[in-house]
């Protein structure tokens, strides 16, 4: 019954696209420790990585409250934009400031994915069995988030980290456009009766 809902299917596709575009976070460390990325020492990289924690905290606080008021689709859009920013920064720059900005944007993207993505799973449920809906979502998205980093590792070995970042940026842009044009705000659908009509059509 969940998979009959058009907006939920669109949400799943968008989330998988976004995951494919940002399963490369561990490679940021590899890049910034390499000569091309500025050759940062491991200790300094760990310190700069704290910017990611700060970004997660800010995203959870701001996007959580904003999403409760205006809907969580907006948070997903912000998060995907931030992951695209992190990838773009790594592609065009190197060194300490680049590393800090990339990890801050990564944290914002991760926090948005957690708070907005989790809420959208609940809000895209077209029926009353939320446990079944959450289980299905976790299964489908979980398979993607486990396998995609493995594929990313293979791409990095064959083509290199910068090429992996470039491909990930393209996927992130595709995910942003998908959410912008193909995924509707669930609250708007519920408000105009579209969700109920989609379910009836299914």
Protein backbone atom coordinates (compact mmCIF):
# COMPACT_ATOMS: atom_id res chain seq x y z
CA UNK A 1 0.00 0.00 0.00
CA UNK A 2 2.89 2.37 0.73
CA UNK A 3 4.48 1.72 -2.66
CA UNK A 4 1.23 2.53 -4.44
CA UNK A 5 1.59 6.13 -3.31
CA UNK A 6 3.22 8.20 -6.07
CA UNK A 7 4.75 10.80 -3.78
CA UNK A 8 6.28 8.16 -1.51
CA UNK A 9 7.88 6.45 -4.50
CA UNK A 10 9.27 9.79 -5.63
CA UNK A 11 10.61 10.39 -2.12
CA UNK A 12 12.42 7.03 -2.14
CA UNK A 13 14.02 7.73 -5.52
CA UNK A 14 15.16 11.14 -4.33
CA UNK A 15 16.64 9.79 -1.11
CA UNK A 16 18.55 7.08 -2.98
CA UNK A 17 19.85 9.65 -5.46
CA UNK A 18 20.97 11.88 -2.59
CA UNK A 19 22.65 8.95 -0.86
CA UNK A 20 24.44 8.03 -4.08
CA UNK A 21 25.68 11.60 -4.28
CA UNK A 22 26.98 11.72 -0.74
CA UNK A 23 28.28 8.28 0.15
CA UNK A 24 31.78 9.73 -0.29
CA UNK A 25 32.21 11.48 3.07
CA UNK A 26 35.11 9.20 4.19
CA UNK A 27 36.98 10.18 1.04
CA UNK A 28 37.08 13.81 2.17
CA UNK A 29 39.68 12.82 4.75
CA UNK A 30 41.69 10.95 2.14
CA UNK A 31 41.60 13.97 -0.16
CA UNK A 32 42.62 16.56 2.43
CA UNK A 33 45.50 14.40 3.69
CA UNK A 34 46.79 13.99 0.15
CA UNK A 35 49.13 16.55 -1.49
CA UNK A 36 46.33 17.61 -3.83
CA UNK A 37 44.11 18.46 -0.87
CA UNK A 38 46.74 20.36 1.09
CA UNK A 39 48.52 17.50 2.87
CA UNK A 40 46.87 18.20 6.23
CA UNK A 41 48.22 16.12 9.13
CA UNK A 42 45.89 13.59 10.71
CA UNK A 43 45.59 15.44 14.03
CA UNK A 44 44.59 18.69 12.37
CA UNK A 45 42.12 16.87 10.13
CA UNK A 46 40.41 15.42 13.21
CA UNK A 47 40.17 18.91 14.71
CA UNK A 48 38.70 20.36 11.53
CA UNK A 49 36.30 17.43 11.39
CA UNK A 50 34.61 18.90 14.48
CA UNK A 51 33.03 21.41 12.10
CA UNK A 52 30.87 18.53 10.89
CA UNK A 53 29.52 18.01 14.41
CA UNK A 54 28.72 21.72 14.65
CA UNK A 55 26.91 21.56 11.32
CA UNK A 56 24.83 18.60 12.45
CA UNK A 57 23.80 20.42 15.62
CA UNK A 58 22.81 23.58 13.74
CA UNK A 59 20.83 21.62 11.13
CA UNK A 60 18.98 19.60 13.77
CA UNK A 61 18.02 22.70 15.70
CA UNK A 62 17.14 25.06 12.83
CA UNK A 63 15.71 22.65 10.27
CA UNK A 64 13.87 20.66 12.91
CA UNK A 65 11.97 23.72 14.11
CA UNK A 66 11.51 25.09 10.60
CA UNK A 67 10.29 21.75 9.32
CA UNK A 68 7.75 21.42 12.12
CA UNK A 69 6.27 24.73 11.01
CA UNK A 70 6.63 24.67 7.23
CA UNK A 71 7.21 21.05 6.28
CA UNK A 72 10.36 18.93 6.09
CA UNK A 73 10.73 18.88 2.30
CA UNK A 74 12.45 22.26 2.66
CA UNK A 75 15.03 20.72 5.01
CA UNK A 76 15.82 17.99 2.50
CA UNK A 77 16.37 20.59 -0.20
CA UNK A 78 18.71 22.54 2.07
CA UNK A 79 20.58 19.36 2.99
CA UNK A 80 21.14 18.30 -0.61
CA UNK A 81 22.30 21.81 -1.49
CA UNK A 82 24.81 21.60 1.37
CA UNK A 83 26.15 18.24 0.22
CA UNK A 84 26.60 19.70 -3.26
CA UNK A 85 28.45 22.63 -1.69
CA UNK A 86 30.77 20.29 0.23
CA UNK A 87 31.61 18.39 -2.95
CA UNK A 88 32.13 21.58 -4.96
CA UNK A 89 34.45 22.99 -2.30
CA UNK A 90 36.56 19.83 -2.33
CA UNK A 91 36.70 19.89 -6.12
CA UNK A 92 37.88 23.49 -6.53
CA UNK A 93 39.99 24.16 -3.43
CA UNK A 94 42.40 22.67 -0.90
CA UNK A 95 43.94 23.43 2.49
CA UNK A 96 42.64 24.37 5.93
CA UNK A 97 39.82 26.75 5.03
CA UNK A 98 38.59 24.42 2.32
CA UNK A 99 38.59 21.50 4.75
CA UNK A 100 36.69 23.46 7.40
CA UNK A 101 34.04 24.61 4.94
CA UNK A 102 33.65 21.16 3.40
CA UNK A 103 33.15 19.52 6.80
CA UNK A 104 30.75 22.24 7.97
CA UNK A 105 28.63 21.76 4.84
CA UNK A 106 28.84 18.00 5.35
CA UNK A 107 27.50 18.38 8.88
CA UNK A 108 24.62 20.56 7.69
CA UNK A 109 23.79 18.00 5.01
CA UNK A 110 23.96 15.10 7.47
CA UNK A 111 21.82 16.85 10.07
CA UNK A 112 19.24 17.75 7.44
CA UNK A 113 19.16 14.16 6.26
CA UNK A 114 18.57 12.91 9.78
CA UNK A 115 15.88 15.29 10.96
CA UNK A 116 14.10 16.09 7.71
CA UNK A 117 14.52 12.68 6.12
CA UNK A 118 13.22 10.86 9.20
CA UNK A 119 10.19 13.14 9.45
CA UNK A 120 9.40 12.80 5.76
CA UNK A 121 9.34 9.03 6.12
CA UNK A 122 6.55 9.49 8.67
CA UNK A 123 4.75 12.18 6.70
CA UNK A 124 4.72 10.22 3.43
CA UNK A 125 2.87 7.33 5.05
CA UNK A 126 -0.44 7.04 3.12
CA UNK A 127 -2.12 4.71 5.61
CA UNK A 128 -2.39 4.10 9.35
CA UNK A 129 0.23 1.34 9.67
CA UNK A 130 3.25 3.54 10.29
CA UNK A 131 5.37 0.68 11.64
CA UNK A 132 5.05 -1.19 8.34
CA UNK A 133 5.81 2.00 6.41
CA UNK A 134 8.91 2.77 8.50
CA UNK A 135 10.11 -0.82 8.19
CA UNK A 136 9.76 -0.75 4.40
CA UNK A 137 11.56 2.60 4.22
CA UNK A 138 14.42 1.43 6.41
CA UNK A 139 14.79 -1.75 4.37
CA UNK A 140 14.89 -0.05 0.97
CA UNK A 141 17.01 2.92 2.02
CA UNK A 142 19.24 0.74 4.20
CA UNK A 143 20.18 -1.52 1.28
CA UNK A 144 21.14 1.56 -0.72
CA UNK A 145 23.20 3.18 2.03
CA UNK A 146 25.12 -0.06 2.61
CA UNK A 147 25.93 -0.85 -1.01
CA UNK A 148 26.57 2.63 -2.42
CA UNK A 149 29.75 3.33 -0.37
CA UNK A 150 31.17 0.02 -1.59
CA UNK A 151 30.56 1.09 -5.18
CA UNK A 152 32.10 4.49 -4.40
CA UNK A 153 35.25 2.75 -3.19
CA UNK A 154 35.53 0.86 -6.45
CA UNK A 155 35.08 4.07 -8.45
CA UNK A 156 37.77 5.80 -6.37
CA UNK A 157 40.21 2.95 -7.00
CA UNK A 158 39.63 2.99 -10.73
CA UNK A 159 39.10 6.69 -11.51
CA UNK A 160 40.46 8.55 -8.49
CA UNK A 161 38.95 10.59 -5.67
CA UNK A 162 38.47 13.83 -7.60
CA UNK A 163 36.56 12.03 -10.33
CA UNK A 164 34.45 10.39 -7.62
CA UNK A 165 33.66 13.84 -6.19
CA UNK A 166 32.71 15.12 -9.65
CA UNK A 167 30.35 12.22 -10.27
CA UNK A 168 28.87 12.63 -6.81
CA UNK A 169 28.25 16.31 -7.47
CA UNK A 170 26.30 15.42 -10.61
CA UNK A 171 24.20 12.92 -8.64
CA UNK A 172 23.61 15.48 -5.90
CA UNK A 173 22.41 18.02 -8.46
CA UNK A 174 20.08 15.40 -9.90
CA UNK A 175 18.73 14.65 -6.41
CA UNK A 176 18.14 18.36 -5.75
CA UNK A 177 16.22 18.78 -9.01
CA UNK A 178 14.26 15.58 -8.33
CA UNK A 179 13.12 16.77 -4.91
CA UNK A 180 12.38 20.21 -6.29
CA UNK A 181 10.17 19.08 -9.16
CA UNK A 182 9.01 15.52 -8.41
CA UNK A 183 8.49 15.30 -4.63
CA UNK A 184 5.55 17.21 -3.16
CA UNK A 185 5.27 18.49 0.39
CA UNK A 186 3.17 15.77 2.11
CA UNK A 187 1.30 18.32 4.19
CA UNK A 188 0.16 20.11 1.05
CA UNK A 189 -1.11 16.84 -0.41
CA UNK A 190 -2.95 16.03 2.78
CA UNK A 191 -4.40 19.53 2.85
CA UNK A 192 -5.91 19.41 -0.63
CA UNK A 193 -6.97 15.78 -0.55
CA UNK A 194 -4.44 14.69 -3.15
CA UNK A 195 -2.96 12.04 -0.89
CA UNK A 196 -6.31 10.42 -0.36
CA UNK A 197 -7.12 10.51 -4.08
CA UNK A 198 -3.71 8.99 -4.97
CA UNK A 199 -4.36 6.21 -2.48
CA UNK A 200 -7.83 5.61 -3.92
CA UNK A 201 -6.42 5.47 -7.45
CA UNK A 202 -3.85 2.89 -6.28
